[in-house]
Amino acid sequence: MALSLSVFCDANAVPLRHLRTWSGDHEVDFIVIGPGGKVVAIEAKLGSTVRPAHVEHLAWLKDKLGDKLLDAVVVNTGTDAYRRKDGIAVVPLALLGP
């Protein structure tokens, strides 16, 4: 998944980053920074079920960035794409293509 994201970002001339706070309290696997500094945050999880702990750092980032966060996404090994009640998207890895 990291390689695919890197290729997508390179093709669109947008940076792909990783976020970890200095204290280590919060970490987000992938941060895509688009035009105007808008951000898409992505967590990769090896499992088909999204648990509350899987989204806690995305929720924290959502609170910190406000309107600068375009979307927060958990990519997993499940079969269904959906949006959680908290607004965080869940997308199966298989939907992202080969």
PDB file of N, CA and C in Angstrom:
ATOM      1  N   MET A   1       0.814  -1.182   0.000  1.00  0.00           N
ATOM      2  CA  MET A   1       0.000   0.000   0.000  1.00  0.00           C
ATOM      3  C   MET A   1       0.868   1.260   0.000  1.00  0.00           C
ATOM      4  N   ALA A   2       1.942   1.246   0.742  1.00  0.00           N
ATOM      5  CA  ALA A   2       2.826   2.412   0.809  1.00  0.00           C
ATOM      6  C   ALA A   2       3.378   2.753  -0.569  1.00  0.00           C
ATOM      7  N   LEU A   3       3.764   1.742  -1.310  1.00  0.00           N
ATOM      8  CA  LEU A   3       4.304   1.974  -2.649  1.00  0.00           C
ATOM      9  C   LEU A   3       3.239   2.570  -3.566  1.00  0.00           C
ATOM     10  N   SER A   4       2.035   2.026  -3.517  1.00  0.00           N
ATOM     11  CA  SER A   4       0.949   2.556  -4.349  1.00  0.00           C
ATOM     12  C   SER A   4       0.666   4.014  -4.010  1.00  0.00           C
ATOM     13  N   LEU A   5       0.570   4.327  -2.725  1.00  0.00           N
ATOM     14  CA  LEU A   5       0.333   5.712  -2.319  1.00  0.00           C
ATOM     15  C   LEU A   5       1.457   6.627  -2.790  1.00  0.00           C
ATOM     16  N   SER A   6       2.674   6.148  -2.685  1.00  0.00           N
ATOM     17  CA  SER A   6       3.823   6.933  -3.123  1.00  0.00           C
ATOM     18  C   SER A   6       3.742   7.237  -4.615  1.00  0.00           C
ATOM     19  N   VAL A   7       3.376   6.241  -5.401  1.00  0.00           N
ATOM     20  CA  VAL A   7       3.238   6.425  -6.855  1.00  0.00           C
ATOM     21  C   VAL A   7       2.106   7.405  -7.162  1.00  0.00           C
ATOM     22  N   PHE A   8       0.949   7.237  -6.501  1.00  0.00           N
ATOM     23  CA  PHE A   8      -0.184   8.141  -6.724  1.00  0.00           C
ATOM     24  C   PHE A   8       0.203   9.581  -6.385  1.00  0.00           C
ATOM     25  N   CYS A   9       0.889   9.753  -5.270  1.00  0.00           N
ATOM     26  CA  CYS A   9       1.295  11.098  -4.838  1.00  0.00           C
ATOM     27  C   CYS A   9       2.320  11.700  -5.791  1.00  0.00           C
ATOM     28  N   ASP A  10       3.294  10.904  -6.208  1.00  0.00           N
ATOM     29  CA  ASP A  10       4.293  11.393  -7.165  1.00  0.00           C
ATOM     30  C   ASP A  10       3.640  11.825  -8.475  1.00  0.00           C
ATOM     31  N   ALA A  11       2.687  11.024  -8.944  1.00  0.00           N
ATOM     32  CA  ALA A  11       2.012  11.327 -10.206  1.00  0.00           C
ATOM     33  C   ALA A  11       1.215  12.627 -10.123  1.00  0.00           C
ATOM     34  N   ASN A  12       0.795  12.986  -8.919  1.00  0.00           N
ATOM     35  CA  ASN A  12       0.003  14.204  -8.735  1.00  0.00           C
ATOM     36  C   ASN A  12       0.791  15.339  -8.085  1.00  0.00           C
ATOM     37  N   ALA A  13       2.091  15.125  -7.943  1.00  0.00           N
ATOM     38  CA  ALA A  13       3.000  16.137  -7.380  1.00  0.00           C
ATOM     39  C   ALA A  13       2.555  16.642  -6.011  1.00  0.00           C
ATOM     40  N   VAL A  14       2.125  15.701  -5.169  1.00  0.00           N
ATOM     41  CA  VAL A  14       1.769  16.046  -3.786  1.00  0.00           C
ATOM     42  C   VAL A  14       2.616  15.200  -2.836  1.00  0.00           C
ATOM     43  N   PRO A  15       3.007  15.770  -1.709  1.00  0.00           N
ATOM     44  CA  PRO A  15       3.859  15.024  -0.778  1.00  0.00           C
ATOM     45  C   PRO A  15       3.099  13.956  -0.002  1.00  0.00           C
ATOM     46  N   LEU A  16       3.802  12.877   0.290  1.00  0.00           N
ATOM     47  CA  LEU A  16       3.297  11.804   1.146  1.00  0.00           C
ATOM     48  C   LEU A  16       4.196  11.764   2.371  1.00  0.00           C
ATOM     49  N   ARG A  17       3.596  11.873   3.531  1.00  0.00           N
ATOM     50  CA  ARG A  17       4.358  11.931   4.775  1.00  0.00           C
ATOM     51  C   ARG A  17       3.827  10.927   5.785  1.00  0.00           C
ATOM     52  N   HIS A  18       4.542  10.824   6.877  1.00  0.00           N
ATOM     53  CA  HIS A  18       4.163  10.027   8.043  1.00  0.00           C
ATOM     54  C   HIS A  18       4.137  11.001   9.213  1.00  0.00           C
ATOM     55  N   LEU A  19       3.195  10.825  10.138  1.00  0.00           N
ATOM     56  CA  LEU A  19       3.120  11.727  11.282  1.00  0.00           C
ATOM     57  C   LEU A  19       3.309  10.957  12.581  1.00  0.00           C
ATOM     58  N   ARG A  20       4.223  11.439  13.381  1.00  0.00           N
ATOM     59  CA  ARG A  20       4.405  10.916  14.733  1.00  0.00           C
ATOM     60  C   ARG A  20       4.762  12.097  15.607  1.00  0.00           C
ATOM     61  N   THR A  21       3.987  12.299  16.674  1.00  0.00           N
ATOM     62  CA  THR A  21       4.279  13.419  17.560  1.00  0.00           C
ATOM     63  C   THR A  21       5.586  13.169  18.289  1.00  0.00           C
ATOM     64  N   TRP A  22       6.224  14.247  18.703  1.00  0.00           N
ATOM     65  CA  TRP A  22       7.514  14.157  19.383  1.00  0.00           C
ATOM     66  C   TRP A  22       7.416  13.242  20.595  1.00  0.00           C
ATOM     67  N   SER A  23       6.302  13.317  21.317  1.00  0.00           N
ATOM     68  CA  SER A  23       6.113  12.505  22.522  1.00  0.00           C
ATOM     69  C   SER A  23       5.789  11.050  22.195  1.00  0.00           C
ATOM     70  N   GLY A  24       5.403  10.787  20.948  1.00  0.00           N
ATOM     71  CA  GLY A  24       5.021   9.436  20.554  1.00  0.00           C
ATOM     72  C   GLY A  24       3.593   9.079  20.921  1.00  0.00           C
ATOM     73  N   ASP A  25       2.837  10.063  21.398  1.00  0.00           N
ATOM     74  CA  ASP A  25       1.452   9.808  21.801  1.00  0.00           C
ATOM     75  C   ASP A  25       0.520   9.578  20.614  1.00  0.00           C
ATOM     76  N   HIS A  26       0.856  10.160  19.468  1.00  0.00           N
ATOM     77  CA  HIS A  26      -0.003  10.052  18.288  1.00  0.00           C
ATOM     78  C   HIS A  26       0.840   9.737  17.062  1.00  0.00           C
ATOM     79  N   GLU A  27       0.272   8.879  16.210  1.00  0.00           N
ATOM     80  CA  GLU A  27       0.955   8.480  14.983  1.00  0.00           C
ATOM     81  C   GLU A  27      -0.088   8.182  13.914  1.00  0.00           C
ATOM     82  N   VAL A  28       0.148   8.686  12.716  1.00  0.00           N
ATOM     83  CA  VAL A  28      -0.716   8.407  11.571  1.00  0.00           C
ATOM     84  C   VAL A  28       0.186   7.878  10.465  1.00  0.00           C
ATOM     85  N   ASP A  29      -0.212   6.743   9.886  1.00  0.00           N
ATOM     86  CA  ASP A  29       0.641   6.046   8.921  1.00  0.00           C
ATOM     87  C   ASP A  29       0.993   6.887   7.700  1.00  0.00           C
ATOM     88  N   PHE A  30      -0.005   7.529   7.098  1.00  0.00           N
ATOM     89  CA  PHE A  30       0.225   8.290   5.871  1.00  0.00           C
ATOM     90  C   PHE A  30      -0.514   9.619   5.930  1.00  0.00           C
ATOM     91  N   ILE A  31       0.179  10.667   5.531  1.00  0.00           N
ATOM     92  CA  ILE A  31      -0.405  11.998   5.430  1.00  0.00           C
ATOM     93  C   ILE A  31      -0.157  12.485   4.008  1.00  0.00           C
ATOM     94  N   VAL A  32      -1.229  12.751   3.282  1.00  0.00           N
ATOM     95  CA  VAL A  32      -1.134  13.305   1.933  1.00  0.00           C
ATOM     96  C   VAL A  32      -1.482  14.787   2.042  1.00  0.00           C
ATOM     97  N   ILE A  33      -0.579  15.628   1.577  1.00  0.00           N
ATOM     98  CA  ILE A  33      -0.776  17.074   1.675  1.00  0.00           C
ATOM     99  C   ILE A  33      -1.059  17.617   0.281  1.00  0.00           C
ATOM    100  N   GLY A  34      -2.267  18.075   0.089  1.00  0.00           N
ATOM    101  CA  GLY A  34      -2.680  18.553  -1.221  1.00  0.00           C
ATOM    102  C   GLY A  34      -2.558  20.054  -1.362  1.00  0.00           C
ATOM    103  N   PRO A  35      -3.094  20.578  -2.449  1.00  0.00           N
ATOM    104  CA  PRO A  35      -3.048  22.017  -2.700  1.00  0.00           C
ATOM    105  C   PRO A  35      -3.664  22.802  -1.541  1.00  0.00           C
ATOM    106  N   GLY A  36      -3.038  23.911  -1.217  1.00  0.00           N
ATOM    107  CA  GLY A  36      -3.548  24.743  -0.139  1.00  0.00           C
ATOM    108  C   GLY A  36      -3.327  24.160   1.246  1.00  0.00           C
ATOM    109  N   GLY A  37      -2.518  23.111   1.328  1.00  0.00           N
ATOM    110  CA  GLY A  37      -2.234  22.510   2.627  1.00  0.00           C
ATOM    111  C   GLY A  37      -3.323  21.603   3.155  1.00  0.00           C
ATOM    112  N   LYS A  38      -4.299  21.287   2.324  1.00  0.00           N
ATOM    113  CA  LYS A  38      -5.355  20.359   2.741  1.00  0.00           C
ATOM    114  C   LYS A  38      -4.760  18.965   2.907  1.00  0.00           C
ATOM    115  N   VAL A  39      -5.280  18.213   3.874  1.00  0.00           N
ATOM    116  CA  VAL A  39      -4.676  16.948   4.281  1.00  0.00           C
ATOM    117  C   VAL A  39      -5.670  15.795   4.182  1.00  0.00           C
ATOM    118  N   VAL A  40      -5.181  14.652   3.708  1.00  0.00           N
ATOM    119  CA  VAL A  40      -5.892  13.378   3.816  1.00  0.00           C
ATOM    120  C   VAL A  40      -5.017  12.488   4.685  1.00  0.00           C
ATOM    121  N   ALA A  41      -5.595  11.973   5.758  1.00  0.00           N
ATOM    122  CA  ALA A  41      -4.869  11.121   6.698  1.00  0.00           C
ATOM    123  C   ALA A  41      -5.324   9.680   6.517  1.00  0.00           C
ATOM    124  N   ILE A  42      -4.363   8.758   6.461  1.00  0.00           N
ATOM    125  CA  ILE A  42      -4.671   7.355   6.175  1.00  0.00           C
ATOM    126  C   ILE A  42      -3.977   6.454   7.182  1.00  0.00           C
ATOM    127  N   GLU A  43      -4.745   5.554   7.757  1.00  0.00           N
ATOM    128  CA  GLU A  43      -4.212   4.508   8.630  1.00  0.00           C
ATOM    129  C   GLU A  43      -4.381   3.176   7.910  1.00  0.00           C
ATOM    130  N   ALA A  44      -3.365   2.343   7.919  1.00  0.00           N
ATOM    131  CA  ALA A  44      -3.425   1.004   7.326  1.00  0.00           C
ATOM    132  C   ALA A  44      -3.549  -0.011   8.453  1.00  0.00           C
ATOM    133  N   LYS A  45      -4.534  -0.880   8.354  1.00  0.00           N
ATOM    134  CA  LYS A  45      -4.754  -1.897   9.381  1.00  0.00           C
ATOM    135  C   LYS A  45      -4.884  -3.271   8.735  1.00  0.00           C
ATOM    136  N   LEU A  46      -4.133  -4.214   9.258  1.00  0.00           N
ATOM    137  CA  LEU A  46      -4.177  -5.584   8.758  1.00  0.00           C
ATOM    138  C   LEU A  46      -5.261  -6.321   9.528  1.00  0.00           C
ATOM    139  N   GLY A  47      -6.455  -6.257   9.019  1.00  0.00           N
ATOM    140  CA  GLY A  47      -7.607  -6.882   9.654  1.00  0.00           C
ATOM    141  C   GLY A  47      -8.857  -6.357   8.994  1.00  0.00           C
ATOM    142  N   SER A  48      -9.941  -7.101   9.115  1.00  0.00           N
ATOM    143  CA  SER A  48     -11.176  -6.716   8.443  1.00  0.00           C
ATOM    144  C   SER A  48     -12.106  -5.897   9.326  1.00  0.00           C
ATOM    145  N   THR A  49     -11.856  -5.875  10.625  1.00  0.00           N
ATOM    146  CA  THR A  49     -12.705  -5.144  11.557  1.00  0.00           C
ATOM    147  C   THR A  49     -11.980  -3.896  12.049  1.00  0.00           C
ATOM    148  N   VAL A  50     -12.664  -2.771  11.992  1.00  0.00           N
ATOM    149  CA  VAL A  50     -12.091  -1.523  12.493  1.00  0.00           C
ATOM    150  C   VAL A  50     -12.561  -1.331  13.928  1.00  0.00           C
ATOM    151  N   ARG A  51     -11.605  -1.258  14.827  1.00  0.00           N
ATOM    152  CA  ARG A  51     -11.883  -1.076  16.247  1.00  0.00           C
ATOM    153  C   ARG A  51     -11.661   0.393  16.635  1.00  0.00           C
ATOM    154  N   PRO A  52     -12.222   0.813  17.766  1.00  0.00           N
ATOM    155  CA  PRO A  52     -12.030   2.203  18.207  1.00  0.00           C
ATOM    156  C   PRO A  52     -10.562   2.620  18.293  1.00  0.00           C
ATOM    157  N   ALA A  53      -9.700   1.735  18.726  1.00  0.00           N
ATOM    158  CA  ALA A  53      -8.270   2.068  18.828  1.00  0.00           C
ATOM    159  C   ALA A  53      -7.654   2.349  17.459  1.00  0.00           C
ATOM    160  N   HIS A  54      -8.240   1.798  16.404  1.00  0.00           N
ATOM    161  CA  HIS A  54      -7.708   1.996  15.053  1.00  0.00           C
ATOM    162  C   HIS A  54      -7.936   3.415  14.535  1.00  0.00           C
ATOM    163  N   VAL A  55      -8.900   4.109  15.105  1.00  0.00           N
ATOM    164  CA  VAL A  55      -9.234   5.451  14.608  1.00  0.00           C
ATOM    165  C   VAL A  55      -8.884   6.565  15.596  1.00  0.00           C
ATOM    166  N   GLU A  56      -8.351   6.230  16.759  1.00  0.00           N
ATOM    167  CA  GLU A  56      -8.129   7.269  17.772  1.00  0.00           C
ATOM    168  C   GLU A  56      -7.155   8.347  17.311  1.00  0.00           C
ATOM    169  N   HIS A  57      -6.128   7.983  16.571  1.00  0.00           N
ATOM    170  CA  HIS A  57      -5.169   8.985  16.105  1.00  0.00           C
ATOM    171  C   HIS A  57      -5.753   9.820  14.963  1.00  0.00           C
ATOM    172  N   LEU A  58      -6.593   9.201  14.146  1.00  0.00           N
ATOM    173  CA  LEU A  58      -7.271   9.959  13.094  1.00  0.00           C
ATOM    174  C   LEU A  58      -8.243  10.962  13.709  1.00  0.00           C
ATOM    175  N   ALA A  59      -8.970  10.543  14.737  1.00  0.00           N
ATOM    176  CA  ALA A  59      -9.898  11.447  15.423  1.00  0.00           C
ATOM    177  C   ALA A  59      -9.141  12.605  16.072  1.00  0.00           C
ATOM    178  N   TRP A  60      -7.990  12.305  16.665  1.00  0.00           N
ATOM    179  CA  TRP A  60      -7.158  13.346  17.267  1.00  0.00           C
ATOM    180  C   TRP A  60      -6.721  14.358  16.203  1.00  0.00           C
ATOM    181  N   LEU A  61      -6.268  13.852  15.053  1.00  0.00           N
ATOM    182  CA  LEU A  61      -5.821  14.737  13.981  1.00  0.00           C
ATOM    183  C   LEU A  61      -6.978  15.575  13.444  1.00  0.00           C
ATOM    184  N   LYS A  62      -8.144  14.974  13.353  1.00  0.00           N
ATOM    185  CA  LYS A  62      -9.341  15.686  12.902  1.00  0.00           C
ATOM    186  C   LYS A  62      -9.633  16.865  13.832  1.00  0.00           C
ATOM    187  N   ASP A  63      -9.515  16.646  15.124  1.00  0.00           N
ATOM    188  CA  ASP A  63      -9.710  17.725  16.098  1.00  0.00           C
ATOM    189  C   ASP A  63      -8.652  18.811  15.950  1.00  0.00           C
ATOM    190  N   LYS A  64      -7.414  18.420  15.692  1.00  0.00           N
ATOM    191  CA  LYS A  64      -6.309  19.372  15.574  1.00  0.00           C
ATOM    192  C   LYS A  64      -6.384  20.208  14.297  1.00  0.00           C
ATOM    193  N   LEU A  65      -6.718  19.569  13.178  1.00  0.00           N
ATOM    194  CA  LEU A  65      -6.672  20.256  11.883  1.00  0.00           C
ATOM    195  C   LEU A  65      -7.973  20.937  11.486  1.00  0.00           C
ATOM    196  N   GLY A  66      -9.082  20.468  12.000  1.00  0.00           N
ATOM    197  CA  GLY A  66     -10.370  21.056  11.635  1.00  0.00           C
ATOM    198  C   GLY A  66     -10.620  20.972  10.139  1.00  0.00           C
ATOM    199  N   ASP A  67     -10.909  22.129   9.526  1.00  0.00           N
ATOM    200  CA  ASP A  67     -11.251  22.178   8.096  1.00  0.00           C
ATOM    201  C   ASP A  67     -10.082  21.875   7.167  1.00  0.00           C
ATOM    202  N   LYS A  68      -8.860  21.883   7.686  1.00  0.00           N
ATOM    203  CA  LYS A  68      -7.698  21.549   6.836  1.00  0.00           C
ATOM    204  C   LYS A  68      -7.655  20.055   6.520  1.00  0.00           C
ATOM    205  N   LEU A  69      -8.378  19.243   7.299  1.00  0.00           N
ATOM    206  CA  LEU A  69      -8.427  17.801   7.045  1.00  0.00           C
ATOM    207  C   LEU A  69      -9.558  17.521   6.064  1.00  0.00           C
ATOM    208  N   LEU A  70      -9.188  17.140   4.843  1.00  0.00           N
ATOM    209  CA  LEU A  70     -10.199  16.812   3.833  1.00  0.00           C
ATOM    210  C   LEU A  70     -10.887  15.504   4.148  1.00  0.00           C
ATOM    211  N   ASP A  71     -10.095  14.504   4.581  1.00  0.00           N
ATOM    212  CA  ASP A  71     -10.675  13.205   4.907  1.00  0.00           C
ATOM    213  C   ASP A  71      -9.720  12.407   5.774  1.00  0.00           C
ATOM    214  N   ALA A  72     -10.301  11.497   6.530  1.00  0.00           N
ATOM    215  CA  ALA A  72      -9.554  10.550   7.352  1.00  0.00           C
ATOM    216  C   ALA A  72     -10.035   9.162   6.957  1.00  0.00           C
ATOM    217  N   VAL A  73      -9.086   8.269   6.674  1.00  0.00           N
ATOM    218  CA  VAL A  73      -9.416   6.969   6.090  1.00  0.00           C
ATOM    219  C   VAL A  73      -8.658   5.855   6.798  1.00  0.00           C
ATOM    220  N   VAL A  74      -9.368   4.756   7.053  1.00  0.00           N
ATOM    221  CA  VAL A  74      -8.728   3.518   7.494  1.00  0.00           C
ATOM    222  C   VAL A  74      -8.804   2.556   6.321  1.00  0.00           C
ATOM    223  N   VAL A  75      -7.664   2.072   5.869  1.00  0.00           N
ATOM    224  CA  VAL A  75      -7.622   1.055   4.818  1.00  0.00           C
ATOM    225  C   VAL A  75      -7.390  -0.273   5.513  1.00  0.00           C
ATOM    226  N   ASN A  76      -8.283  -1.232   5.241  1.00  0.00           N
ATOM    227  CA  ASN A  76      -8.185  -2.530   5.910  1.00  0.00           C
ATOM    228  C   ASN A  76      -8.340  -3.670   4.911  1.00  0.00           C
ATOM    229  N   THR A  77      -8.450  -4.879   5.438  1.00  0.00           N
ATOM    230  CA  THR A  77      -8.588  -6.060   4.577  1.00  0.00           C
ATOM    231  C   THR A  77     -10.031  -6.536   4.484  1.00  0.00           C
ATOM    232  N   GLY A  78     -10.963  -5.693   4.893  1.00  0.00           N
ATOM    233  CA  GLY A  78     -12.377  -6.051   4.829  1.00  0.00           C
ATOM    234  C   GLY A  78     -12.894  -6.069   3.399  1.00  0.00           C
ATOM    235  N   THR A  79     -14.206  -6.216   3.274  1.00  0.00           N
ATOM    236  CA  THR A  79     -14.834  -6.297   1.951  1.00  0.00           C
ATOM    237  C   THR A  79     -15.754  -5.118   1.653  1.00  0.00           C
ATOM    238  N   ASP A  80     -16.097  -4.333   2.662  1.00  0.00           N
ATOM    239  CA  ASP A  80     -17.064  -3.249   2.484  1.00  0.00           C
ATOM    240  C   ASP A  80     -16.443  -1.887   2.753  1.00  0.00           C
ATOM    241  N   ALA A  81     -16.768  -0.943   1.881  1.00  0.00           N
ATOM    242  CA  ALA A  81     -16.381   0.450   2.103  1.00  0.00           C
ATOM    243  C   ALA A  81     -17.572   1.152   2.746  1.00  0.00           C
ATOM    244  N   TYR A  82     -17.293   1.967   3.747  1.00  0.00           N
ATOM    245  CA  TYR A  82     -18.358   2.699   4.426  1.00  0.00           C
ATOM    246  C   TYR A  82     -17.757   3.878   5.187  1.00  0.00           C
ATOM    247  N   ARG A  83     -18.633   4.750   5.633  1.00  0.00           N
ATOM    248  CA  ARG A  83     -18.209   5.871   6.454  1.00  0.00           C
ATOM    249  C   ARG A  83     -18.803   5.674   7.844  1.00  0.00           C
ATOM    250  N   ARG A  84     -17.938   5.738   8.836  1.00  0.00           N
ATOM    251  CA  ARG A  84     -18.353   5.576  10.230  1.00  0.00           C
ATOM    252  C   ARG A  84     -19.155   6.795  10.697  1.00  0.00           C
ATOM    253  N   LYS A  85     -19.856   6.642  11.814  1.00  0.00           N
ATOM    254  CA  LYS A  85     -20.643   7.747  12.368  1.00  0.00           C
ATOM    255  C   LYS A  85     -19.780   8.958  12.701  1.00  0.00           C
ATOM    256  N   ASP A  86     -18.500   8.729  13.020  1.00  0.00           N
ATOM    257  CA  ASP A  86     -17.598   9.840  13.339  1.00  0.00           C
ATOM    258  C   ASP A  86     -17.021  10.506  12.091  1.00  0.00           C
ATOM    259  N   GLY A  87     -17.445  10.036  10.902  1.00  0.00           N
ATOM    260  CA  GLY A  87     -17.012  10.639   9.647  1.00  0.00           C
ATOM    261  C   GLY A  87     -15.781  10.010   9.026  1.00  0.00           C
ATOM    262  N   ILE A  88     -15.140   9.087   9.734  1.00  0.00           N
ATOM    263  CA  ILE A  88     -13.934   8.437   9.213  1.00  0.00           C
ATOM    264  C   ILE A  88     -14.339   7.358   8.210  1.00  0.00           C
ATOM    265  N   ALA A  89     -13.686   7.375   7.050  1.00  0.00           N
ATOM    266  CA  ALA A  89     -13.988   6.408   5.995  1.00  0.00           C
ATOM    267  C   ALA A  89     -13.223   5.113   6.232  1.00  0.00           C
ATOM    268  N   VAL A  90     -13.850   4.009   5.877  1.00  0.00           N
ATOM    269  CA  VAL A  90     -13.213   2.691   5.918  1.00  0.00           C
ATOM    270  C   VAL A  90     -13.232   2.155   4.493  1.00  0.00           C
ATOM    271  N   VAL A  91     -12.047   1.826   3.969  1.00  0.00           N
ATOM    272  CA  VAL A  91     -11.927   1.393   2.579  1.00  0.00           C
ATOM    273  C   VAL A  91     -11.097   0.118   2.520  1.00  0.00           C
ATOM    274  N   PRO A  92     -11.640  -0.946   1.912  1.00  0.00           N
ATOM    275  CA  PRO A  92     -10.844  -2.167   1.747  1.00  0.00           C
ATOM    276  C   PRO A  92      -9.667  -1.938   0.795  1.00  0.00           C
ATOM    277  N   LEU A  93      -8.549  -2.515   1.130  1.00  0.00           N
ATOM    278  CA  LEU A  93      -7.349  -2.407   0.301  1.00  0.00           C
ATOM    279  C   LEU A  93      -7.627  -2.858  -1.129  1.00  0.00           C
ATOM    280  N   ALA A  94      -8.450  -3.890  -1.298  1.00  0.00           N
ATOM    281  CA  ALA A  94      -8.747  -4.425  -2.629  1.00  0.00           C
ATOM    282  C   ALA A  94      -9.379  -3.376  -3.550  1.00  0.00           C
ATOM    283  N   LEU A  95     -10.049  -2.379  -2.988  1.00  0.00           N
ATOM    284  CA  LEU A  95     -10.671  -1.341  -3.816  1.00  0.00           C
ATOM    285  C   LEU A  95      -9.664  -0.343  -4.373  1.00  0.00           C
ATOM    286  N   LEU A  96      -8.459  -0.343  -3.828  1.00  0.00           N
ATOM    287  CA  LEU A  96      -7.440   0.598  -4.293  1.00  0.00           C
ATOM    288  C   LEU A  96      -6.706   0.106  -5.532  1.00  0.00           C
ATOM    289  N   GLY A  97      -6.989  -1.116  -5.944  1.00  0.00           N
ATOM    290  CA  GLY A  97      -6.379  -1.651  -7.157  1.00  0.00           C
ATOM    291  C   GLY A  97      -5.082  -2.390  -6.883  1.00  0.00           C
ATOM    292  N   PRO A  98      -4.505  -2.965  -7.947  1.00  0.00           N
ATOM    293  CA  PRO A  98      -3.289  -3.772  -7.777  1.00  0.00           C
ATOM    294  C   PRO A  98      -2.068  -2.934  -7.417  1.00  0.00           C
TER     295      PRO A  98
END
